[in-house]
Amino acid sequence: MEDNWITCEIVRSALTSRGHLVLVATTGMAAVEAMANNECQVILLDLMLPDIDGAVLLESLRRLPGGDKIPILAFSAFVTRMEELKKHGARFDDYIAKPVEPTDLIRIIEGYLSPAEARPSS
């Protein structure tokens, strides 16, 4: 979930270059709908969406069927906000600071996938 189209394109380009299918949701409502209607392996969640705080959305996603088993990674330029969430025990699986190099992003995302998912067939 990301509302900045430039960041969306960078993330999409990096992951699709490795053969991954990328779904983009630019609002919290769209994110809940996308997760409810698709099988997700990893979720990259911006902490600042136009309609909801990312930490609040995290809890909504965790309550969906299977939401407690999907790795959800906080993705933000606000490092202090991520540190605050860590201290308060937010249930993110990881925290990624923006900007991130595409190769680092791929490595992090693929670290949460099974070997078959990390190297999808083209």
Protein backbone atom coordinates (compact mmCIF):
# COMPACT_ATOMS: atom_id res chain seq x y z
CA MET A 1 0.00 0.00 0.00
CA GLU A 2 1.53 3.22 -1.15
CA ASP A 3 -0.02 6.49 -2.25
CA ASN A 4 2.99 8.07 -3.99
CA TRP A 5 2.90 7.02 -7.65
CA ILE A 6 6.67 7.45 -8.16
CA THR A 7 7.43 5.15 -5.24
CA CYS A 8 4.77 2.72 -6.52
CA GLU A 9 6.44 2.58 -9.92
CA ILE A 10 9.91 2.05 -8.46
CA VAL A 11 8.67 -0.79 -6.24
CA ARG A 12 6.56 -2.31 -9.01
CA SER A 13 9.40 -2.14 -11.52
CA ALA A 14 11.92 -3.70 -9.14
CA LEU A 15 9.65 -6.58 -8.16
CA THR A 16 8.15 -7.28 -11.58
CA SER A 17 11.67 -7.40 -13.03
CA ARG A 18 12.10 -10.48 -10.84
CA GLY A 19 8.81 -11.99 -12.01
CA HIS A 20 6.64 -11.04 -9.04
CA LEU A 21 3.04 -9.94 -9.39
CA VAL A 22 2.50 -6.59 -7.65
CA LEU A 23 -0.87 -5.25 -6.52
CA VAL A 24 -1.03 -1.57 -5.59
CA ALA A 25 -3.53 -0.05 -3.19
CA THR A 26 -3.36 3.71 -2.65
CA THR A 27 -5.84 3.88 0.26
CA GLY A 28 -6.58 1.80 3.32
CA MET A 29 -10.00 0.83 1.96
CA ALA A 30 -8.41 -0.39 -1.28
CA ALA A 31 -5.80 -2.33 0.72
CA VAL A 32 -8.41 -4.19 2.76
CA GLU A 33 -10.33 -5.01 -0.43
CA ALA A 34 -7.18 -6.15 -2.25
CA MET A 35 -6.14 -8.42 0.60
CA ALA A 36 -9.64 -9.86 0.98
CA ASN A 37 -9.81 -10.68 -2.75
CA ASN A 38 -6.25 -11.82 -3.48
CA GLU A 39 -3.72 -14.24 -2.11
CA CYS A 40 -0.87 -12.08 -0.85
CA GLN A 41 2.57 -13.39 0.12
CA VAL A 42 4.02 -10.11 1.48
CA ILE A 43 2.53 -6.68 2.14
CA LEU A 44 4.57 -3.49 1.97
CA LEU A 45 2.61 -0.91 3.99
CA ASP A 46 3.24 2.83 3.88
CA LEU A 47 2.62 4.38 7.29
CA MET A 48 1.09 7.55 5.84
CA LEU A 49 -1.92 6.86 3.62
CA PRO A 50 -4.51 9.52 2.72
CA ASP A 51 -7.40 7.86 4.55
CA ILE A 52 -5.83 5.95 7.47
CA ASP A 53 -2.71 5.68 9.60
CA GLY A 54 -0.63 2.66 8.58
CA ALA A 55 -0.47 1.30 12.14
CA VAL A 56 -4.28 1.32 12.36
CA LEU A 57 -4.53 -0.33 8.93
CA LEU A 58 -2.05 -2.98 10.07
CA GLU A 59 -4.45 -4.12 12.77
CA SER A 60 -7.35 -4.25 10.29
CA LEU A 61 -5.28 -6.38 7.92
CA ARG A 62 -4.19 -8.69 10.73
CA ARG A 63 -7.87 -9.35 11.57
CA LEU A 64 -8.69 -10.53 8.03
CA PRO A 65 -8.64 -14.29 7.37
CA GLY A 66 -4.98 -15.29 7.08
CA GLY A 67 -3.83 -11.78 8.00
CA ASP A 68 -1.88 -13.02 10.98
CA LYS A 69 0.26 -15.25 8.74
CA ILE A 70 1.21 -12.75 6.00
CA PRO A 71 4.43 -10.79 6.51
CA ILE A 72 3.53 -7.09 6.68
CA LEU A 73 6.44 -4.70 6.34
CA ALA A 74 6.26 -1.02 7.39
CA PHE A 75 7.55 1.24 4.60
CA SER A 76 8.16 4.87 5.48
CA ALA A 77 10.49 7.85 5.23
CA PHE A 78 9.55 8.68 8.83
CA VAL A 79 12.17 6.69 10.73
CA THR A 80 11.14 8.19 14.07
CA ARG A 81 7.56 6.96 13.49
CA MET A 82 8.87 3.46 12.75
CA GLU A 83 11.01 3.52 15.92
CA GLU A 84 7.98 4.63 17.93
CA LEU A 85 5.91 1.75 16.53
CA LYS A 86 8.66 -0.76 17.35
CA LYS A 87 8.79 0.45 20.95
CA HIS A 88 5.04 0.08 21.31
CA GLY A 89 5.01 -3.46 19.91
CA ALA A 90 3.31 -2.87 16.56
CA ARG A 91 2.90 -6.22 14.81
CA PHE A 92 4.92 -5.37 11.71
CA ASP A 93 7.28 -8.13 10.62
CA ASP A 94 9.93 -5.65 9.49
CA TYR A 95 10.58 -1.95 8.93
CA ILE A 96 12.00 -0.53 5.69
CA ALA A 97 13.11 3.09 5.51
CA LYS A 98 12.54 5.10 2.33
CA PRO A 99 14.27 5.71 0.11
CA VAL A 100 15.48 2.16 -0.38
CA GLU A 101 17.66 0.86 -3.17
CA PRO A 102 15.64 -1.46 -5.44
CA THR A 103 18.17 -4.29 -5.02
CA ASP A 104 17.87 -4.01 -1.22
CA LEU A 105 14.08 -3.96 -1.46
CA ILE A 106 14.09 -7.12 -3.60
CA ARG A 107 16.43 -8.86 -1.14
CA ILE A 108 14.23 -7.94 1.83
CA ILE A 109 10.94 -8.89 0.14
CA GLU A 110 12.31 -12.19 -1.20
CA GLY A 111 13.61 -12.99 2.29
CA TYR A 112 9.97 -13.33 3.37
CA LEU A 113 9.01 -15.63 0.48
CA SER A 114 9.43 -19.37 0.15
CA PRO A 115 12.19 -20.37 -2.29
CA ALA A 116 9.61 -21.10 -5.01
CA GLU A 117 7.88 -17.73 -4.46
CA ALA A 118 11.22 -15.87 -4.36
CA ARG A 119 12.03 -17.11 -7.86
CA PRO A 120 8.71 -17.21 -9.75
CA SER A 121 8.71 -18.78 -13.16
CA SER A 122 8.57 -16.32 -16.04
